[in-house]
Amino acid sequence: MSKNTEVYDEATKVSAEDGEVVLDGPDGVDVKLTPEAAEQTGDSLLEQSIKARGQRRMKDNPHRAA
């Protein structure tokens, strides 16, 4: 994982160009993916964003065992 600790609140721009998926994001992010890799990345992003939201929501709520 990158050593950059900055958290961005702006979405990455995504476009399809010549059969590739192009990501253009903050801090100079410029990535090209195959459609298949983009689909897998999209699935992972959605799954992990849901997990991160839960972590953020529960951060200040200590878990109590049942």
PDB file of N, CA and C in Angstrom:
ATOM      1  N   MET A   1       0.836  -1.182   0.000  1.00  0.00           N
ATOM      2  CA  MET A   1       0.000   0.000   0.000  1.00  0.00           C
ATOM      3  C   MET A   1       0.878   1.242   0.000  1.00  0.00           C
ATOM      4  N   SER A   2       0.396   2.286  -0.593  1.00  0.00           N
ATOM      5  CA  SER A   2       1.132   3.543  -0.716  1.00  0.00           C
ATOM      6  C   SER A   2       1.370   4.178   0.649  1.00  0.00           C
ATOM      7  N   LYS A   3       2.466   4.930   0.764  1.00  0.00           N
ATOM      8  CA  LYS A   3       2.773   5.627   2.008  1.00  0.00           C
ATOM      9  C   LYS A   3       2.030   6.948   2.115  1.00  0.00           C
ATOM     10  N   ASN A   4       1.338   7.351   1.040  1.00  0.00           N
ATOM     11  CA  ASN A   4       0.566   8.594   1.047  1.00  0.00           C
ATOM     12  C   ASN A   4      -0.594   8.424   2.024  1.00  0.00           C
ATOM     13  N   THR A   5      -0.679   9.299   3.017  1.00  0.00           N
ATOM     14  CA  THR A   5      -1.721   9.178   4.029  1.00  0.00           C
ATOM     15  C   THR A   5      -2.879  10.144   3.802  1.00  0.00           C
ATOM     16  N   GLU A   6      -2.817  10.926   2.738  1.00  0.00           N
ATOM     17  CA  GLU A   6      -3.894  11.874   2.467  1.00  0.00           C
ATOM     18  C   GLU A   6      -5.146  11.129   2.013  1.00  0.00           C
ATOM     19  N   VAL A   7      -6.301  11.554   2.540  1.00  0.00           N
ATOM     20  CA  VAL A   7      -7.581  10.975   2.159  1.00  0.00           C
ATOM     21  C   VAL A   7      -8.323  12.005   1.312  1.00  0.00           C
ATOM     22  N   TYR A   8      -8.726  11.611   0.115  1.00  0.00           N
ATOM     23  CA  TYR A   8      -9.395  12.524  -0.805  1.00  0.00           C
ATOM     24  C   TYR A   8     -10.906  12.389  -0.701  1.00  0.00           C
ATOM     25  N   ASP A   9     -11.596  13.505  -0.887  1.00  0.00           N
ATOM     26  CA  ASP A   9     -13.057  13.482  -0.841  1.00  0.00           C
ATOM     27  C   ASP A   9     -13.663  13.780  -2.209  1.00  0.00           C
ATOM     28  N   GLU A  10     -12.846  13.659  -3.251  1.00  0.00           N
ATOM     29  CA  GLU A  10     -13.369  13.854  -4.600  1.00  0.00           C
ATOM     30  C   GLU A  10     -13.234  12.548  -5.375  1.00  0.00           C
ATOM     31  N   ALA A  11     -14.225  12.276  -6.188  1.00  0.00           N
ATOM     32  CA  ALA A  11     -14.241  11.027  -6.948  1.00  0.00           C
ATOM     33  C   ALA A  11     -13.255  11.072  -8.105  1.00  0.00           C
ATOM     34  N   THR A  12     -12.798   9.915  -8.497  1.00  0.00           N
ATOM     35  CA  THR A  12     -11.935   9.775  -9.658  1.00  0.00           C
ATOM     36  C   THR A  12     -12.789   9.799 -10.919  1.00  0.00           C
ATOM     37  N   LYS A  13     -12.336  10.514 -11.938  1.00  0.00           N
ATOM     38  CA  LYS A  13     -13.046  10.546 -13.217  1.00  0.00           C
ATOM     39  C   LYS A  13     -12.740   9.258 -13.967  1.00  0.00           C
ATOM     40  N   VAL A  14     -13.757   8.676 -14.570  1.00  0.00           N
ATOM     41  CA  VAL A  14     -13.610   7.418 -15.282  1.00  0.00           C
ATOM     42  C   VAL A  14     -14.180   7.573 -16.682  1.00  0.00           C
ATOM     43  N   SER A  15     -13.437   7.075 -17.683  1.00  0.00           N
ATOM     44  CA  SER A  15     -13.924   7.122 -19.059  1.00  0.00           C
ATOM     45  C   SER A  15     -13.474   5.873 -19.807  1.00  0.00           C
ATOM     46  N   ALA A  16     -14.148   5.589 -20.913  1.00  0.00           N
ATOM     47  CA  ALA A  16     -13.779   4.476 -21.785  1.00  0.00           C
ATOM     48  C   ALA A  16     -13.171   5.065 -23.047  1.00  0.00           C
ATOM     49  N   GLU A  17     -11.954   4.614 -23.365  1.00  0.00           N
ATOM     50  CA  GLU A  17     -11.248   5.116 -24.544  1.00  0.00           C
ATOM     51  C   GLU A  17     -10.567   3.957 -25.263  1.00  0.00           C
ATOM     52  N   ASP A  18     -10.919   3.742 -26.490  1.00  0.00           N
ATOM     53  CA  ASP A  18     -10.279   2.714 -27.317  1.00  0.00           C
ATOM     54  C   ASP A  18     -10.252   1.338 -26.654  1.00  0.00           C
ATOM     55  N   GLY A  19     -11.356   0.956 -26.018  1.00  0.00           N
ATOM     56  CA  GLY A  19     -11.456  -0.365 -25.405  1.00  0.00           C
ATOM     57  C   GLY A  19     -10.775  -0.491 -24.059  1.00  0.00           C
ATOM     58  N   GLU A  20     -10.349   0.613 -23.493  1.00  0.00           N
ATOM     59  CA  GLU A  20      -9.728   0.615 -22.171  1.00  0.00           C
ATOM     60  C   GLU A  20     -10.524   1.535 -21.246  1.00  0.00           C
ATOM     61  N   VAL A  21     -10.427   1.273 -19.962  1.00  0.00           N
ATOM     62  CA  VAL A  21     -11.060   2.132 -18.965  1.00  0.00           C
ATOM     63  C   VAL A  21      -9.964   2.997 -18.360  1.00  0.00           C
ATOM     64  N   VAL A  22     -10.175   4.312 -18.396  1.00  0.00           N
ATOM     65  CA  VAL A  22      -9.165   5.265 -17.952  1.00  0.00           C
ATOM     66  C   VAL A  22      -9.644   5.955 -16.683  1.00  0.00           C
ATOM     67  N   LEU A  23      -8.774   5.936 -15.652  1.00  0.00           N
ATOM     68  CA  LEU A  23      -9.065   6.611 -14.390  1.00  0.00           C
ATOM     69  C   LEU A  23      -8.164   7.827 -14.281  1.00  0.00           C
ATOM     70  N   ASP A  24      -8.761   8.971 -13.956  1.00  0.00           N
ATOM     71  CA  ASP A  24      -8.027  10.224 -13.801  1.00  0.00           C
ATOM     72  C   ASP A  24      -8.470  10.818 -12.470  1.00  0.00           C
ATOM     73  N   GLY A  25      -7.604  10.692 -11.471  1.00  0.00           N
ATOM     74  CA  GLY A  25      -8.006  11.094 -10.133  1.00  0.00           C
ATOM     75  C   GLY A  25      -7.096  12.123  -9.511  1.00  0.00           C
ATOM     76  N   PRO A  26      -7.337  12.391  -8.231  1.00  0.00           N
ATOM     77  CA  PRO A  26      -6.551  13.381  -7.511  1.00  0.00           C
ATOM     78  C   PRO A  26      -5.094  12.943  -7.364  1.00  0.00           C
ATOM     79  N   ASP A  27      -4.237  13.896  -7.136  1.00  0.00           N
ATOM     80  CA  ASP A  27      -2.811  13.679  -6.897  1.00  0.00           C
ATOM     81  C   ASP A  27      -2.130  12.980  -8.074  1.00  0.00           C
ATOM     82  N   GLY A  28      -2.594  13.263  -9.278  1.00  0.00           N
ATOM     83  CA  GLY A  28      -1.949  12.755 -10.479  1.00  0.00           C
ATOM     84  C   GLY A  28      -2.253  11.312 -10.821  1.00  0.00           C
ATOM     85  N   VAL A  29      -3.290  10.737 -10.240  1.00  0.00           N
ATOM     86  CA  VAL A  29      -3.649   9.360 -10.574  1.00  0.00           C
ATOM     87  C   VAL A  29      -4.044   9.298 -12.041  1.00  0.00           C
ATOM     88  N   ASP A  30      -3.400   8.404 -12.781  1.00  0.00           N
ATOM     89  CA  ASP A  30      -3.691   8.213 -14.203  1.00  0.00           C
ATOM     90  C   ASP A  30      -3.466   6.738 -14.505  1.00  0.00           C
ATOM     91  N   VAL A  31      -4.556   5.970 -14.580  1.00  0.00           N
ATOM     92  CA  VAL A  31      -4.463   4.522 -14.716  1.00  0.00           C
ATOM     93  C   VAL A  31      -5.339   4.065 -15.873  1.00  0.00           C
ATOM     94  N   LYS A  32      -4.849   3.091 -16.644  1.00  0.00           N
ATOM     95  CA  LYS A  32      -5.633   2.454 -17.694  1.00  0.00           C
ATOM     96  C   LYS A  32      -5.825   0.991 -17.322  1.00  0.00           C
ATOM     97  N   LEU A  33      -7.060   0.506 -17.453  1.00  0.00           N
ATOM     98  CA  LEU A  33      -7.397  -0.870 -17.115  1.00  0.00           C
ATOM     99  C   LEU A  33      -8.122  -1.540 -18.277  1.00  0.00           C
ATOM    100  N   THR A  34      -8.003  -2.855 -18.338  1.00  0.00           N
ATOM    101  CA  THR A  34      -8.857  -3.592 -19.270  1.00  0.00           C
ATOM    102  C   THR A  34     -10.275  -3.527 -18.721  1.00  0.00           C
ATOM    103  N   PRO A  35     -11.284  -3.750 -19.557  1.00  0.00           N
ATOM    104  CA  PRO A  35     -12.659  -3.751 -19.044  1.00  0.00           C
ATOM    105  C   PRO A  35     -12.850  -4.775 -17.918  1.00  0.00           C
ATOM    106  N   GLU A  36     -12.205  -5.931 -18.044  1.00  0.00           N
ATOM    107  CA  GLU A  36     -12.341  -6.974 -17.019  1.00  0.00           C
ATOM    108  C   GLU A  36     -11.724  -6.530 -15.686  1.00  0.00           C
ATOM    109  N   ALA A  37     -10.547  -5.930 -15.750  1.00  0.00           N
ATOM    110  CA  ALA A  37      -9.902  -5.442 -14.522  1.00  0.00           C
ATOM    111  C   ALA A  37     -10.713  -4.309 -13.901  1.00  0.00           C
ATOM    112  N   ALA A  38     -11.304  -3.470 -14.745  1.00  0.00           N
ATOM    113  CA  ALA A  38     -12.134  -2.372 -14.243  1.00  0.00           C
ATOM    114  C   ALA A  38     -13.370  -2.911 -13.529  1.00  0.00           C
ATOM    115  N   GLU A  39     -13.971  -3.968 -14.067  1.00  0.00           N
ATOM    116  CA  GLU A  39     -15.150  -4.567 -13.418  1.00  0.00           C
ATOM    117  C   GLU A  39     -14.780  -5.131 -12.050  1.00  0.00           C
ATOM    118  N   GLN A  40     -13.648  -5.841 -11.982  1.00  0.00           N
ATOM    119  CA  GLN A  40     -13.210  -6.393 -10.702  1.00  0.00           C
ATOM    120  C   GLN A  40     -12.888  -5.284  -9.709  1.00  0.00           C
ATOM    121  N   THR A  41     -12.242  -4.236 -10.192  1.00  0.00           N
ATOM    122  CA  THR A  41     -11.906  -3.097  -9.337  1.00  0.00           C
ATOM    123  C   THR A  41     -13.176  -2.425  -8.828  1.00  0.00           C
ATOM    124  N   GLY A  42     -14.148  -2.254  -9.718  1.00  0.00           N
ATOM    125  CA  GLY A  42     -15.416  -1.642  -9.321  1.00  0.00           C
ATOM    126  C   GLY A  42     -16.124  -2.444  -8.245  1.00  0.00           C
ATOM    127  N   ASP A  43     -16.140  -3.773  -8.416  1.00  0.00           N
ATOM    128  CA  ASP A  43     -16.762  -4.637  -7.410  1.00  0.00           C
ATOM    129  C   ASP A  43     -16.038  -4.493  -6.068  1.00  0.00           C
ATOM    130  N   SER A  44     -14.710  -4.496  -6.106  1.00  0.00           N
ATOM    131  CA  SER A  44     -13.925  -4.367  -4.869  1.00  0.00           C
ATOM    132  C   SER A  44     -14.127  -3.009  -4.217  1.00  0.00           C
ATOM    133  N   LEU A  45     -14.167  -1.957  -5.037  1.00  0.00           N
ATOM    134  CA  LEU A  45     -14.398  -0.616  -4.492  1.00  0.00           C
ATOM    135  C   LEU A  45     -15.741  -0.531  -3.779  1.00  0.00           C
ATOM    136  N   LEU A  46     -16.772  -1.081  -4.380  1.00  0.00           N
ATOM    137  CA  LEU A  46     -18.101  -1.043  -3.761  1.00  0.00           C
ATOM    138  C   LEU A  46     -18.108  -1.828  -2.455  1.00  0.00           C
ATOM    139  N   GLU A  47     -17.559  -3.035  -2.486  1.00  0.00           N
ATOM    140  CA  GLU A  47     -17.526  -3.883  -1.295  1.00  0.00           C
ATOM    141  C   GLU A  47     -16.756  -3.219  -0.153  1.00  0.00           C
ATOM    142  N   GLN A  48     -15.591  -2.685  -0.460  1.00  0.00           N
ATOM    143  CA  GLN A  48     -14.762  -2.089   0.580  1.00  0.00           C
ATOM    144  C   GLN A  48     -15.276  -0.727   1.040  1.00  0.00           C
ATOM    145  N   SER A  49     -15.972   0.001   0.168  1.00  0.00           N
ATOM    146  CA  SER A  49     -16.548   1.274   0.599  1.00  0.00           C
ATOM    147  C   SER A  49     -17.675   1.041   1.602  1.00  0.00           C
ATOM    148  N   ILE A  50     -18.444  -0.018   1.401  1.00  0.00           N
ATOM    149  CA  ILE A  50     -19.495  -0.368   2.359  1.00  0.00           C
ATOM    150  C   ILE A  50     -18.874  -0.757   3.697  1.00  0.00           C
ATOM    151  N   LYS A  51     -17.800  -1.542   3.646  1.00  0.00           N
ATOM    152  CA  LYS A  51     -17.105  -1.953   4.870  1.00  0.00           C
ATOM    153  C   LYS A  51     -16.541  -0.736   5.604  1.00  0.00           C
ATOM    154  N   ALA A  52     -15.911   0.183   4.857  1.00  0.00           N
ATOM    155  CA  ALA A  52     -15.321   1.373   5.470  1.00  0.00           C
ATOM    156  C   ALA A  52     -16.383   2.275   6.102  1.00  0.00           C
ATOM    157  N   ARG A  53     -17.537   2.391   5.446  1.00  0.00           N
ATOM    158  CA  ARG A  53     -18.628   3.179   6.040  1.00  0.00           C
ATOM    159  C   ARG A  53     -19.043   2.601   7.376  1.00  0.00           C
ATOM    160  N   GLY A  54     -19.155   1.276   7.434  1.00  0.00           N
ATOM    161  CA  GLY A  54     -19.519   0.613   8.687  1.00  0.00           C
ATOM    162  C   GLY A  54     -18.471   0.848   9.762  1.00  0.00           C
ATOM    163  N   GLN A  55     -17.195   0.754   9.380  1.00  0.00           N
ATOM    164  CA  GLN A  55     -16.120   1.000  10.334  1.00  0.00           C
ATOM    165  C   GLN A  55     -16.176   2.420  10.870  1.00  0.00           C
ATOM    166  N   ARG A  56     -16.407   3.372   9.962  1.00  0.00           N
ATOM    167  CA  ARG A  56     -16.471   4.776  10.373  1.00  0.00           C
ATOM    168  C   ARG A  56     -17.668   5.005  11.295  1.00  0.00           C
ATOM    169  N   ARG A  57     -18.775   4.378  10.967  1.00  0.00           N
ATOM    170  CA  ARG A  57     -19.988   4.561  11.763  1.00  0.00           C
ATOM    171  C   ARG A  57     -19.834   3.960  13.163  1.00  0.00           C
ATOM    172  N   MET A  58     -19.159   2.819  13.238  1.00  0.00           N
ATOM    173  CA  MET A  58     -19.038   2.118  14.514  1.00  0.00           C
ATOM    174  C   MET A  58     -17.806   2.532  15.322  1.00  0.00           C
ATOM    175  N   LYS A  59     -16.976   3.415  14.771  1.00  0.00           N
ATOM    176  CA  LYS A  59     -15.714   3.811  15.390  1.00  0.00           C
ATOM    177  C   LYS A  59     -15.870   4.235  16.850  1.00  0.00           C
ATOM    178  N   ASP A  60     -16.875   5.017  17.145  1.00  0.00           N
ATOM    179  CA  ASP A  60     -17.056   5.546  18.498  1.00  0.00           C
ATOM    180  C   ASP A  60     -18.128   4.801  19.286  1.00  0.00           C
ATOM    181  N   ASN A  61     -18.533   3.631  18.794  1.00  0.00           N
ATOM    182  CA  ASN A  61     -19.542   2.827  19.473  1.00  0.00           C
ATOM    183  C   ASN A  61     -18.926   1.489  19.860  1.00  0.00           C
ATOM    184  N   PRO A  62     -18.486   1.349  21.102  1.00  0.00           N
ATOM    185  CA  PRO A  62     -17.860   0.089  21.499  1.00  0.00           C
ATOM    186  C   PRO A  62     -18.833  -1.069  21.363  1.00  0.00           C
ATOM    187  N   HIS A  63     -18.324  -2.185  20.881  1.00  0.00           N
ATOM    188  CA  HIS A  63     -19.134  -3.378  20.680  1.00  0.00           C
ATOM    189  C   HIS A  63     -19.432  -4.041  22.037  1.00  0.00           C
ATOM    190  N   ARG A  64     -20.668  -4.443  22.197  1.00  0.00           N
ATOM    191  CA  ARG A  64     -21.050  -5.163  23.394  1.00  0.00           C
ATOM    192  C   ARG A  64     -21.410  -6.580  23.002  1.00  0.00           C
ATOM    193  N   ALA A  65     -20.775  -7.548  23.615  1.00  0.00           N
ATOM    194  CA  ALA A  65     -21.076  -8.951  23.320  1.00  0.00           C
ATOM    195  C   ALA A  65     -22.496  -9.269  23.764  1.00  0.00           C
ATOM    196  N   ALA A  66     -23.156 -10.138  23.013  1.00  0.00           N
ATOM    197  CA  ALA A  66     -24.541 -10.532  23.340  1.00  0.00           C
ATOM    198  C   ALA A  66     -24.590 -11.518  24.462  1.00  0.00           C
TER     199      ALA A  66
END
